[in-house]
Amino acid sequence: MCEMAPAIIYLFDRMGVPFSRTQEGLLDFRRFGGTKHHRTAFAGASTGQQLLYALDEQVRRYEVAGQVKKFEGWEMMSLILDEHQVCRGVVAMNLRSLELKAFPADAVIVATGGPGLIYGKSTNSMVCTGSAVSACYQQGAKYANGEFIQVHPTSIPGEDKLRLMSESARGEGGRVWVPKAKGDQRAPSSFRKTSAGISWKRSTRHTATSCRATSPRAKFFRCVSQGWESTARTRSILDLTHIPAETLDKKLGAILEIYEMFVGDDPRHVPMRIFPGVHYSMGGLWVDFEQRTIFRDCSRLASVITLFTALIVWALTH
């Protein structure tokens, strides 16, 4: 994966992903979670979204050419397995008509996202229930590391779901604060200017590499487990106000627009109210190095089937 990553980035570049560039026109890079060096290519603060747009455009191109047929509004119910536990297709349901249909296939790829909805609210799509992976597990596929759930330190609490505020905000110098005293109701703008708050994590050159798993846990413990009232969920602060507005617009414009849309404040001048939220699942279907899923109680060649997994669904990498 590491060997192929640069080639994949350039492939996306050719597909039209608007990666951020240096003044010389080269790909720009920034620090990301736990790294000391600028080695992450990015497209402003909406890299994932831009990748999705590019891939969707490619699917539509092949669809017009008659090489891809989409079945939207269908949900996978189960795998089709032969007597050797080899995957031969799936059974899916039309969510509008409730029609059940078998889809025979030479290979099946499961790319259905994580199980975020089991936590009630998460940054995942509302369709990320984990049901497809559960169906595979119930039919014999191995499942591993389900306990490895990333709680992202910066999300916007909402009535319907959580919305991610990318860690690129901290990579560009954003600072996260929580108040020192229980019941502290002072304005978020006072946290940086007075001793009202403590710095929970600062994304500076020296501290951007601090453990991303410990910080959300420590923050959650301070805000909730110590008996703070429910308003603690809006008392955690991501401060970008010390960064020039033009820099924010250039590098973080996408998440600033999302925050303004759902909260109503301008994060260029008012610190953002955030809270840790369930984000990524490192667990999933057990796979080999060819991304082939392994079934339980199978021997020799029959244990490697024609069921493949992608991205967040597998238990191999983050």
C-alpha atoms as a PDB file:
ATOM      1  CA  MET A   1       0.000   0.000   0.000  1.00  0.00           C
ATOM      2  CA  CYS A   2       2.794   2.429   0.874  1.00  0.00           C
ATOM      3  CA  GLU A   3       4.588   1.603  -2.380  1.00  0.00           C
ATOM      4  CA  MET A   4       1.443   2.234  -4.428  1.00  0.00           C
ATOM      5  CA  ALA A   5       0.233   5.353  -2.589  1.00  0.00           C
ATOM      6  CA  PRO A   6       2.200   7.953  -4.645  1.00  0.00           C
ATOM      7  CA  ALA A   7       1.006   6.396  -7.917  1.00  0.00           C
ATOM      8  CA  ILE A   8      -2.595   6.410  -6.662  1.00  0.00           C
ATOM      9  CA  ILE A   9      -2.309  10.091  -5.720  1.00  0.00           C
ATOM     10  CA  TYR A  10      -1.096  10.937  -9.224  1.00  0.00           C
ATOM     11  CA  LEU A  11      -3.914   8.791 -10.642  1.00  0.00           C
ATOM     12  CA  PHE A  12      -6.454  10.861  -8.704  1.00  0.00           C
ATOM     13  CA  ASP A  13      -4.680  13.987  -9.919  1.00  0.00           C
ATOM     14  CA  ARG A  14      -5.242  12.893 -13.511  1.00  0.00           C
ATOM     15  CA  MET A  15      -8.876  12.146 -12.704  1.00  0.00           C
ATOM     16  CA  GLY A  16      -9.306  15.795 -11.804  1.00  0.00           C
ATOM     17  CA  VAL A  17      -9.057  15.924  -8.003  1.00  0.00           C
ATOM     18  CA  PRO A  18      -8.170  19.586  -7.243  1.00  0.00           C
ATOM     19  CA  PHE A  19      -5.207  18.926  -4.958  1.00  0.00           C
ATOM     20  CA  SER A  20      -3.749  22.007  -3.301  1.00  0.00           C
ATOM     21  CA  ARG A  21      -0.614  23.273  -5.029  1.00  0.00           C
ATOM     22  CA  THR A  22       2.517  25.201  -4.153  1.00  0.00           C
ATOM     23  CA  GLN A  23       3.334  28.490  -5.853  1.00  0.00           C
ATOM     24  CA  GLU A  24       5.413  26.474  -8.330  1.00  0.00           C
ATOM     25  CA  GLY A  25       2.395  24.354  -9.273  1.00  0.00           C
ATOM     26  CA  LEU A  26       3.596  21.198  -7.508  1.00  0.00           C
ATOM     27  CA  LEU A  27       1.475  19.120  -5.129  1.00  0.00           C
ATOM     28  CA  ASP A  28       1.395  20.709  -1.694  1.00  0.00           C
ATOM     29  CA  PHE A  29       1.782  18.582   1.444  1.00  0.00           C
ATOM     30  CA  ARG A  30       0.838  19.092   5.088  1.00  0.00           C
ATOM     31  CA  ARG A  31       1.326  17.351   8.422  1.00  0.00           C
ATOM     32  CA  PHE A  32      -1.344  14.909   9.473  1.00  0.00           C
ATOM     33  CA  GLY A  33      -2.059  12.920  12.625  1.00  0.00           C
ATOM     34  CA  GLY A  34       1.133  11.874  14.356  1.00  0.00           C
ATOM     35  CA  THR A  35       3.619  12.958  11.691  1.00  0.00           C
ATOM     36  CA  LYS A  36       6.571  15.338  12.001  1.00  0.00           C
ATOM     37  CA  HIS A  37       6.926  15.976   8.282  1.00  0.00           C
ATOM     38  CA  HIS A  38       4.708  17.427   5.587  1.00  0.00           C
ATOM     39  CA  ARG A  39       3.908  14.246   3.651  1.00  0.00           C
ATOM     40  CA  THR A  40       0.112  14.325   3.174  1.00  0.00           C
ATOM     41  CA  ALA A  41      -1.332  15.492  -0.138  1.00  0.00           C
ATOM     42  CA  PHE A  42      -4.610  17.353   0.355  1.00  0.00           C
ATOM     43  CA  ALA A  43      -7.376  19.258  -1.400  1.00  0.00           C
ATOM     44  CA  GLY A  44      -8.058  22.144   0.947  1.00  0.00           C
ATOM     45  CA  ALA A  45     -10.036  20.785   3.902  1.00  0.00           C
ATOM     46  CA  SER A  46     -12.311  18.517   1.827  1.00  0.00           C
ATOM     47  CA  THR A  47      -9.906  15.916   0.465  1.00  0.00           C
ATOM     48  CA  GLY A  48     -12.204  12.946   1.022  1.00  0.00           C
ATOM     49  CA  GLN A  49     -15.130  14.737  -0.562  1.00  0.00           C
ATOM     50  CA  GLN A  50     -13.089  15.654  -3.633  1.00  0.00           C
ATOM     51  CA  LEU A  51     -11.915  12.046  -3.997  1.00  0.00           C
ATOM     52  CA  LEU A  52     -15.532  10.890  -3.893  1.00  0.00           C
ATOM     53  CA  TYR A  53     -16.515  13.424  -6.541  1.00  0.00           C
ATOM     54  CA  ALA A  54     -13.734  12.195  -8.838  1.00  0.00           C
ATOM     55  CA  LEU A  55     -14.618   8.528  -8.395  1.00  0.00           C
ATOM     56  CA  ASP A  56     -18.322   9.230  -8.917  1.00  0.00           C
ATOM     57  CA  GLU A  57     -17.467  11.047 -12.130  1.00  0.00           C
ATOM     58  CA  GLN A  58     -15.504   8.015 -13.342  1.00  0.00           C
ATOM     59  CA  VAL A  59     -18.392   5.663 -12.521  1.00  0.00           C
ATOM     60  CA  ARG A  60     -20.790   7.899 -14.453  1.00  0.00           C
ATOM     61  CA  ARG A  61     -18.382   7.917 -17.403  1.00  0.00           C
ATOM     62  CA  TYR A  62     -18.302   4.123 -17.527  1.00  0.00           C
ATOM     63  CA  GLU A  63     -22.058   4.012 -16.977  1.00  0.00           C
ATOM     64  CA  VAL A  64     -22.648   6.153 -20.065  1.00  0.00           C
ATOM     65  CA  ALA A  65     -20.345   3.837 -22.003  1.00  0.00           C
ATOM     66  CA  GLY A  66     -22.462   0.859 -20.932  1.00  0.00           C
ATOM     67  CA  GLN A  67     -19.671  -0.735 -18.895  1.00  0.00           C
ATOM     68  CA  VAL A  68     -21.237  -0.151 -15.476  1.00  0.00           C
ATOM     69  CA  LYS A  69     -24.814  -0.662 -14.320  1.00  0.00           C
ATOM     70  CA  LYS A  70     -25.881   0.881 -11.011  1.00  0.00           C
ATOM     71  CA  PHE A  71     -28.584  -0.478  -8.715  1.00  0.00           C
ATOM     72  CA  GLU A  72     -29.401   2.458  -6.452  1.00  0.00           C
ATOM     73  CA  GLY A  73     -31.855   1.966  -3.613  1.00  0.00           C
ATOM     74  CA  TRP A  74     -30.907  -1.697  -3.110  1.00  0.00           C
ATOM     75  CA  GLU A  75     -29.556  -3.140   0.152  1.00  0.00           C
ATOM     76  CA  MET A  76     -27.468  -6.283   0.505  1.00  0.00           C
ATOM     77  CA  MET A  77     -29.183  -8.979   2.562  1.00  0.00           C
ATOM     78  CA  SER A  78     -26.752 -11.911   2.354  1.00  0.00           C
ATOM     79  CA  LEU A  79     -23.942 -13.558   0.424  1.00  0.00           C
ATOM     80  CA  ILE A  80     -24.447 -16.430  -1.967  1.00  0.00           C
ATOM     81  CA  LEU A  81     -22.023 -19.207  -0.991  1.00  0.00           C
ATOM     82  CA  ASP A  82     -21.458 -22.568  -2.634  1.00  0.00           C
ATOM     83  CA  GLU A  83     -20.665 -25.825  -0.846  1.00  0.00           C
ATOM     84  CA  HIS A  84     -16.983 -24.834  -0.615  1.00  0.00           C
ATOM     85  CA  GLN A  85     -17.748 -21.486   1.044  1.00  0.00           C
ATOM     86  CA  VAL A  86     -16.801 -19.653  -2.140  1.00  0.00           C
ATOM     87  CA  CYS A  87     -18.737 -16.427  -2.648  1.00  0.00           C
ATOM     88  CA  ARG A  88     -20.742 -16.520  -5.889  1.00  0.00           C
ATOM     89  CA  GLY A  89     -22.772 -13.321  -5.512  1.00  0.00           C
ATOM     90  CA  VAL A  90     -25.205 -11.525  -3.190  1.00  0.00           C
ATOM     91  CA  VAL A  91     -28.910 -11.315  -2.447  1.00  0.00           C
ATOM     92  CA  ALA A  92     -30.229  -7.751  -2.283  1.00  0.00           C
ATOM     93  CA  MET A  93     -33.557  -6.055  -1.609  1.00  0.00           C
ATOM     94  CA  ASN A  94     -35.122  -3.151  -3.460  1.00  0.00           C
ATOM     95  CA  LEU A  95     -35.984  -0.768  -0.618  1.00  0.00           C
ATOM     96  CA  ARG A  96     -38.853   0.742  -2.618  1.00  0.00           C
ATOM     97  CA  SER A  97     -40.661  -2.401  -3.811  1.00  0.00           C
ATOM     98  CA  LEU A  98     -39.159  -4.901  -1.291  1.00  0.00           C
ATOM     99  CA  GLU A  99     -38.259  -7.143  -4.234  1.00  0.00           C
ATOM    100  CA  LEU A 100     -35.528  -9.693  -3.490  1.00  0.00           C
ATOM    101  CA  LYS A 101     -33.055 -10.472  -6.240  1.00  0.00           C
ATOM    102  CA  ALA A 102     -29.945 -12.635  -6.551  1.00  0.00           C
ATOM    103  CA  PHE A 103     -26.910 -11.034  -8.203  1.00  0.00           C
ATOM    104  CA  PRO A 104     -24.467 -13.738  -9.407  1.00  0.00           C
ATOM    105  CA  ALA A 105     -20.864 -12.566  -9.660  1.00  0.00           C
ATOM    106  CA  ASP A 106     -17.326 -13.795 -10.225  1.00  0.00           C
ATOM    107  CA  ALA A 107     -16.184 -11.579  -7.345  1.00  0.00           C
ATOM    108  CA  VAL A 108     -17.905  -9.484  -4.667  1.00  0.00           C
ATOM    109  CA  ILE A 109     -16.412  -6.326  -3.165  1.00  0.00           C
ATOM    110  CA  VAL A 110     -17.815  -5.075   0.144  1.00  0.00           C
ATOM    111  CA  ALA A 111     -17.257  -1.310   0.515  1.00  0.00           C
ATOM    112  CA  THR A 112     -20.092  -0.325   2.835  1.00  0.00           C
ATOM    113  CA  GLY A 113     -18.378   1.849   5.448  1.00  0.00           C
ATOM    114  CA  GLY A 114     -18.114   1.405   9.193  1.00  0.00           C
ATOM    115  CA  PRO A 115     -20.722   0.690  11.905  1.00  0.00           C
ATOM    116  CA  GLY A 116     -21.020   4.313  13.088  1.00  0.00           C
ATOM    117  CA  LEU A 117     -24.797   4.268  13.555  1.00  0.00           C
ATOM    118  CA  ILE A 118     -24.614   1.699  16.360  1.00  0.00           C
ATOM    119  CA  TYR A 119     -23.315   4.576  18.525  1.00  0.00           C
ATOM    120  CA  GLY A 120     -26.429   6.622  17.810  1.00  0.00           C
ATOM    121  CA  LYS A 121     -24.516   9.522  16.305  1.00  0.00           C
ATOM    122  CA  SER A 122     -21.259   9.565  14.397  1.00  0.00           C
ATOM    123  CA  THR A 123     -19.523  11.421  11.592  1.00  0.00           C
ATOM    124  CA  ASN A 124     -20.382   8.553   9.230  1.00  0.00           C
ATOM    125  CA  SER A 125     -23.191   8.531   6.706  1.00  0.00           C
ATOM    126  CA  MET A 126     -26.585   7.608   8.126  1.00  0.00           C
ATOM    127  CA  VAL A 127     -26.492   4.394   6.055  1.00  0.00           C
ATOM    128  CA  CYS A 128     -23.342   3.154   7.845  1.00  0.00           C
ATOM    129  CA  THR A 129     -25.039   0.602  10.098  1.00  0.00           C
ATOM    130  CA  GLY A 130     -22.511  -2.215   9.719  1.00  0.00           C
ATOM    131  CA  SER A 131     -25.302  -4.494   8.444  1.00  0.00           C
ATOM    132  CA  ALA A 132     -23.404  -5.769   5.381  1.00  0.00           C
ATOM    133  CA  VAL A 133     -20.336  -6.744   7.402  1.00  0.00           C
ATOM    134  CA  SER A 134     -22.644  -8.319  10.002  1.00  0.00           C
ATOM    135  CA  ALA A 135     -24.295 -10.425   7.285  1.00  0.00           C
ATOM    136  CA  CYS A 136     -20.884 -11.635   6.113  1.00  0.00           C
ATOM    137  CA  TYR A 137     -19.868 -12.491   9.674  1.00  0.00           C
ATOM    138  CA  GLN A 138     -23.070 -14.408  10.320  1.00  0.00           C
ATOM    139  CA  GLN A 139     -22.368 -16.485   7.217  1.00  0.00           C
ATOM    140  CA  GLY A 140     -18.905 -17.425   8.402  1.00  0.00           C
ATOM    141  CA  ALA A 141     -16.530 -14.600   7.499  1.00  0.00           C
ATOM    142  CA  LYS A 142     -13.893 -13.784  10.094  1.00  0.00           C
ATOM    143  CA  TYR A 143     -14.258 -10.459  11.894  1.00  0.00           C
ATOM    144  CA  ALA A 144     -11.384  -8.809  13.729  1.00  0.00           C
ATOM    145  CA  ASN A 145     -10.529  -5.805  15.901  1.00  0.00           C
ATOM    146  CA  GLY A 146     -14.090  -4.552  16.225  1.00  0.00           C
ATOM    147  CA  GLU A 147     -13.116  -2.701  19.402  1.00  0.00           C
ATOM    148  CA  PHE A 148     -10.789  -0.361  17.510  1.00  0.00           C
ATOM    149  CA  ILE A 149     -13.066   2.617  16.989  1.00  0.00           C
ATOM    150  CA  GLN A 150     -11.477   6.027  16.427  1.00  0.00           C
ATOM    151  CA  VAL A 151     -13.116   8.842  18.360  1.00  0.00           C
ATOM    152  CA  HIS A 152     -12.207  11.971  16.432  1.00  0.00           C
ATOM    153  CA  PRO A 153     -11.405  14.920  18.704  1.00  0.00           C
ATOM    154  CA  THR A 154     -13.149  17.585  16.627  1.00  0.00           C
ATOM    155  CA  SER A 155     -16.733  17.253  15.418  1.00  0.00           C
ATOM    156  CA  ILE A 156     -19.848  19.425  15.556  1.00  0.00           C
ATOM    157  CA  PRO A 157     -22.573  17.931  17.790  1.00  0.00           C
ATOM    158  CA  GLY A 158     -25.894  17.958  15.934  1.00  0.00           C
ATOM    159  CA  GLU A 159     -29.432  16.808  16.600  1.00  0.00           C
ATOM    160  CA  ASP A 160     -29.268  14.303  13.728  1.00  0.00           C
ATOM    161  CA  LYS A 161     -25.577  13.374  13.441  1.00  0.00           C
ATOM    162  CA  LEU A 162     -22.040  14.592  14.054  1.00  0.00           C
ATOM    163  CA  ARG A 163     -20.190  16.556  11.394  1.00  0.00           C
ATOM    164  CA  LEU A 164     -16.443  16.225  11.112  1.00  0.00           C
ATOM    165  CA  MET A 165     -14.136  19.169  11.495  1.00  0.00           C
ATOM    166  CA  SER A 166     -11.027  17.850   9.765  1.00  0.00           C
ATOM    167  CA  GLU A 167      -7.797  17.412  11.721  1.00  0.00           C
ATOM    168  CA  SER A 168      -6.264  19.567   9.006  1.00  0.00           C
ATOM    169  CA  ALA A 169      -7.520  22.478  11.128  1.00  0.00           C
ATOM    170  CA  ARG A 170      -5.066  21.490  13.848  1.00  0.00           C
ATOM    171  CA  GLY A 171      -2.415  20.693  11.272  1.00  0.00           C
ATOM    172  CA  GLU A 172      -2.621  24.333  10.161  1.00  0.00           C
ATOM    173  CA  GLY A 173      -2.185  25.613  13.730  1.00  0.00           C
ATOM    174  CA  GLY A 174      -5.611  25.253  15.353  1.00  0.00           C
ATOM    175  CA  ARG A 175      -5.722  24.917  19.145  1.00  0.00           C
ATOM    176  CA  VAL A 176      -8.246  22.946  21.198  1.00  0.00           C
ATOM    177  CA  TRP A 177      -9.312  24.218  24.620  1.00  0.00           C
ATOM    178  CA  VAL A 178     -11.580  23.067  27.435  1.00  0.00           C
ATOM    179  CA  PRO A 179     -12.539  25.227  30.441  1.00  0.00           C
ATOM    180  CA  LYS A 180     -10.741  24.691  33.722  1.00  0.00           C
ATOM    181  CA  ALA A 181     -13.671  24.944  36.107  1.00  0.00           C
ATOM    182  CA  LYS A 182     -16.962  23.068  36.143  1.00  0.00           C
ATOM    183  CA  GLY A 183     -19.825  25.306  35.064  1.00  0.00           C
ATOM    184  CA  ASP A 184     -17.577  27.912  33.463  1.00  0.00           C
ATOM    185  CA  GLN A 185     -19.911  29.826  31.128  1.00  0.00           C
ATOM    186  CA  ARG A 186     -17.511  32.462  29.870  1.00  0.00           C
ATOM    187  CA  ALA A 187     -17.484  33.199  26.164  1.00  0.00           C
ATOM    188  CA  PRO A 188     -15.238  30.909  24.068  1.00  0.00           C
ATOM    189  CA  SER A 189     -13.318  33.945  22.824  1.00  0.00           C
ATOM    190  CA  SER A 190     -12.017  34.509  26.373  1.00  0.00           C
ATOM    191  CA  PHE A 191     -10.321  31.095  26.579  1.00  0.00           C
ATOM    192  CA  ARG A 192      -7.268  32.163  24.631  1.00  0.00           C
ATOM    193  CA  LYS A 193      -7.026  35.621  26.148  1.00  0.00           C
ATOM    194  CA  THR A 194      -7.372  34.696  29.839  1.00  0.00           C
ATOM    195  CA  SER A 195      -6.678  31.782  32.132  1.00  0.00           C
ATOM    196  CA  ALA A 196     -10.296  30.599  31.793  1.00  0.00           C
ATOM    197  CA  GLY A 197      -9.288  27.527  29.823  1.00  0.00           C
ATOM    198  CA  ILE A 198      -6.495  25.035  29.543  1.00  0.00           C
ATOM    199  CA  SER A 199      -4.859  23.981  26.302  1.00  0.00           C
ATOM    200  CA  TRP A 200      -5.887  20.406  25.614  1.00  0.00           C
ATOM    201  CA  LYS A 201      -3.851  20.044  22.441  1.00  0.00           C
ATOM    202  CA  ARG A 202      -1.990  22.545  20.330  1.00  0.00           C
ATOM    203  CA  SER A 203      -1.128  21.718  16.754  1.00  0.00           C
ATOM    204  CA  THR A 204       2.217  23.467  16.690  1.00  0.00           C
ATOM    205  CA  ARG A 205       5.461  22.145  15.310  1.00  0.00           C
ATOM    206  CA  HIS A 206       6.329  20.511  18.611  1.00  0.00           C
ATOM    207  CA  THR A 207       2.972  19.124  19.703  1.00  0.00           C
ATOM    208  CA  ALA A 208       1.193  18.096  16.491  1.00  0.00           C
ATOM    209  CA  THR A 209       2.633  14.616  16.991  1.00  0.00           C
ATOM    210  CA  SER A 210       0.956  13.994  20.360  1.00  0.00           C
ATOM    211  CA  CYS A 211      -1.128  10.856  20.632  1.00  0.00           C
ATOM    212  CA  ARG A 212      -4.432  11.378  18.813  1.00  0.00           C
ATOM    213  CA  ALA A 213      -6.082   8.529  20.773  1.00  0.00           C
ATOM    214  CA  THR A 214      -5.305   9.870  24.247  1.00  0.00           C
ATOM    215  CA  SER A 215      -6.486  13.410  23.656  1.00  0.00           C
ATOM    216  CA  PRO A 216     -10.175  12.701  22.895  1.00  0.00           C
ATOM    217  CA  ARG A 217     -10.322  10.341  25.887  1.00  0.00           C
ATOM    218  CA  ALA A 218      -8.812  12.934  28.221  1.00  0.00           C
ATOM    219  CA  LYS A 219     -11.080  15.596  26.852  1.00  0.00           C
ATOM    220  CA  PHE A 220     -14.207  13.459  27.193  1.00  0.00           C
ATOM    221  CA  PHE A 221     -13.241  12.567  30.770  1.00  0.00           C
ATOM    222  CA  ARG A 222     -12.819  16.218  31.697  1.00  0.00           C
ATOM    223  CA  CYS A 223     -16.065  17.352  30.062  1.00  0.00           C
ATOM    224  CA  VAL A 224     -18.413  14.489  30.945  1.00  0.00           C
ATOM    225  CA  SER A 225     -17.043  11.871  33.336  1.00  0.00           C
ATOM    226  CA  GLN A 226     -16.203  14.441  35.998  1.00  0.00           C
ATOM    227  CA  GLY A 227     -19.837  15.419  36.291  1.00  0.00           C
ATOM    228  CA  TRP A 228     -20.004  18.493  34.079  1.00  0.00           C
ATOM    229  CA  GLU A 229     -23.490  19.408  32.910  1.00  0.00           C
ATOM    230  CA  SER A 230     -24.640  18.575  29.366  1.00  0.00           C
ATOM    231  CA  THR A 231     -23.591  22.024  28.172  1.00  0.00           C
ATOM    232  CA  ALA A 232     -20.035  20.690  28.343  1.00  0.00           C
ATOM    233  CA  ARG A 233     -20.666  19.348  24.860  1.00  0.00           C
ATOM    234  CA  THR A 234     -20.600  22.910  23.599  1.00  0.00           C
ATOM    235  CA  ARG A 235     -17.804  24.077  25.907  1.00  0.00           C
ATOM    236  CA  SER A 236     -14.947  22.414  24.013  1.00  0.00           C
ATOM    237  CA  ILE A 237     -13.283  24.883  21.700  1.00  0.00           C
ATOM    238  CA  LEU A 238     -11.313  24.648  18.467  1.00  0.00           C
ATOM    239  CA  ASP A 239      -9.646  28.033  18.083  1.00  0.00           C
ATOM    240  CA  LEU A 240      -8.567  29.276  14.651  1.00  0.00           C
ATOM    241  CA  THR A 241      -8.944  32.993  15.308  1.00  0.00           C
ATOM    242  CA  HIS A 242      -5.179  33.584  15.608  1.00  0.00           C
ATOM    243  CA  ILE A 243      -4.649  32.415  12.002  1.00  0.00           C
ATOM    244  CA  PRO A 244      -5.028  35.038   9.226  1.00  0.00           C
ATOM    245  CA  ALA A 245      -8.451  34.860   7.543  1.00  0.00           C
ATOM    246  CA  GLU A 246      -6.933  34.607   4.062  1.00  0.00           C
ATOM    247  CA  THR A 247      -4.929  31.550   5.130  1.00  0.00           C
ATOM    248  CA  LEU A 248      -8.028  29.929   6.571  1.00  0.00           C
ATOM    249  CA  ASP A 249     -10.033  30.590   3.398  1.00  0.00           C
ATOM    250  CA  LYS A 250      -7.290  29.130   1.235  1.00  0.00           C
ATOM    251  CA  LYS A 251      -6.571  25.965   3.222  1.00  0.00           C
ATOM    252  CA  LEU A 252      -9.682  25.311   5.329  1.00  0.00           C
ATOM    253  CA  GLY A 253     -12.473  26.967   3.365  1.00  0.00           C
ATOM    254  CA  ALA A 254     -14.632  23.827   3.082  1.00  0.00           C
ATOM    255  CA  ILE A 255     -14.954  23.099   6.793  1.00  0.00           C
ATOM    256  CA  LEU A 256     -15.432  26.789   7.598  1.00  0.00           C
ATOM    257  CA  GLU A 257     -18.443  26.827   5.271  1.00  0.00           C
ATOM    258  CA  ILE A 258     -19.869  23.687   6.908  1.00  0.00           C
ATOM    259  CA  TYR A 259     -19.442  25.166  10.381  1.00  0.00           C
ATOM    260  CA  GLU A 260     -21.066  28.453   9.405  1.00  0.00           C
ATOM    261  CA  MET A 261     -23.962  26.577   7.787  1.00  0.00           C
ATOM    262  CA  PHE A 262     -24.805  24.379  10.777  1.00  0.00           C
ATOM    263  CA  VAL A 263     -23.727  26.554  13.723  1.00  0.00           C
ATOM    264  CA  GLY A 264     -24.104  30.092  12.420  1.00  0.00           C
ATOM    265  CA  ASP A 265     -20.833  31.530  13.775  1.00  0.00           C
ATOM    266  CA  ASP A 266     -17.864  32.667  11.711  1.00  0.00           C
ATOM    267  CA  PRO A 267     -14.886  30.540  12.878  1.00  0.00           C
ATOM    268  CA  ARG A 268     -12.482  33.142  11.505  1.00  0.00           C
ATOM    269  CA  HIS A 269     -13.494  35.405  14.388  1.00  0.00           C
ATOM    270  CA  VAL A 270     -15.335  33.152  16.901  1.00  0.00           C
ATOM    271  CA  PRO A 271     -13.748  29.930  18.235  1.00  0.00           C
ATOM    272  CA  MET A 272     -15.561  26.793  17.113  1.00  0.00           C
ATOM    273  CA  ARG A 273     -17.635  24.741  19.572  1.00  0.00           C
ATOM    274  CA  ILE A 274     -16.697  21.090  19.102  1.00  0.00           C
ATOM    275  CA  PHE A 275     -16.732  17.710  20.871  1.00  0.00           C
ATOM    276  CA  PRO A 276     -15.198  14.241  20.263  1.00  0.00           C
ATOM    277  CA  GLY A 277     -17.246  12.034  17.940  1.00  0.00           C
ATOM    278  CA  VAL A 278     -17.181   8.440  16.687  1.00  0.00           C
ATOM    279  CA  HIS A 279     -15.450   8.546  13.305  1.00  0.00           C
ATOM    280  CA  TYR A 280     -13.441   5.616  11.956  1.00  0.00           C
ATOM    281  CA  SER A 281     -13.572   1.847  12.446  1.00  0.00           C
ATOM    282  CA  MET A 282     -10.210   0.087  12.278  1.00  0.00           C
ATOM    283  CA  GLY A 283     -11.868  -3.308  12.721  1.00  0.00           C
ATOM    284  CA  GLY A 284     -13.692  -5.268  10.064  1.00  0.00           C
ATOM    285  CA  LEU A 285     -13.646  -8.426   7.973  1.00  0.00           C
ATOM    286  CA  TRP A 286     -10.383 -10.318   8.235  1.00  0.00           C
ATOM    287  CA  VAL A 287      -8.469 -10.238   4.965  1.00  0.00           C
ATOM    288  CA  ASP A 288      -5.193 -11.427   3.521  1.00  0.00           C
ATOM    289  CA  PHE A 289      -2.708  -9.159   1.748  1.00  0.00           C
ATOM    290  CA  GLU A 290      -4.745  -9.415  -1.443  1.00  0.00           C
ATOM    291  CA  GLN A 291      -7.811  -8.039   0.403  1.00  0.00           C
ATOM    292  CA  ARG A 292      -9.521 -11.433   0.144  1.00  0.00           C
ATOM    293  CA  THR A 293     -11.813 -12.248   3.044  1.00  0.00           C
ATOM    294  CA  ILE A 294     -11.168 -15.393   5.100  1.00  0.00           C
ATOM    295  CA  PHE A 295     -14.015 -17.633   6.250  1.00  0.00           C
ATOM    296  CA  ARG A 296     -14.056 -19.624   9.470  1.00  0.00           C
ATOM    297  CA  ASP A 297     -13.679 -23.426   9.525  1.00  0.00           C
ATOM    298  CA  CYS A 298     -12.366 -23.687   5.966  1.00  0.00           C
ATOM    299  CA  SER A 299      -9.278 -25.550   4.870  1.00  0.00           C
ATOM    300  CA  ARG A 300      -6.518 -24.935   2.342  1.00  0.00           C
ATOM    301  CA  LEU A 301      -7.535 -23.111  -0.848  1.00  0.00           C
ATOM    302  CA  ALA A 302     -11.200 -23.037   0.051  1.00  0.00           C
ATOM    303  CA  SER A 303     -10.447 -20.622   2.874  1.00  0.00           C
ATOM    304  CA  VAL A 304      -9.633 -17.845   0.395  1.00  0.00           C
ATOM    305  CA  ILE A 305     -12.864 -16.883  -1.331  1.00  0.00           C
ATOM    306  CA  THR A 306     -13.912 -14.436  -4.023  1.00  0.00           C
ATOM    307  CA  LEU A 307     -15.196 -11.916  -1.462  1.00  0.00           C
ATOM    308  CA  PHE A 308     -13.030  -8.790  -1.321  1.00  0.00           C
ATOM    309  CA  THR A 309     -13.228  -5.815   1.041  1.00  0.00           C
ATOM    310  CA  ALA A 310     -12.253  -2.195   0.614  1.00  0.00           C
ATOM    311  CA  LEU A 311     -11.275   0.752   2.811  1.00  0.00           C
ATOM    312  CA  ILE A 312     -13.055   1.007   6.151  1.00  0.00           C
ATOM    313  CA  VAL A 313     -14.596  -2.495   5.906  1.00  0.00           C
ATOM    314  CA  TRP A 314     -11.389  -4.502   6.308  1.00  0.00           C
ATOM    315  CA  ALA A 315      -9.381  -5.159   9.466  1.00  0.00           C
ATOM    316  CA  LEU A 316      -5.957  -4.880   7.806  1.00  0.00           C
ATOM    317  CA  THR A 317      -5.110  -1.164   7.730  1.00  0.00           C
ATOM    318  CA  HIS A 318      -6.438   2.251   8.769  1.00  0.00           C
END
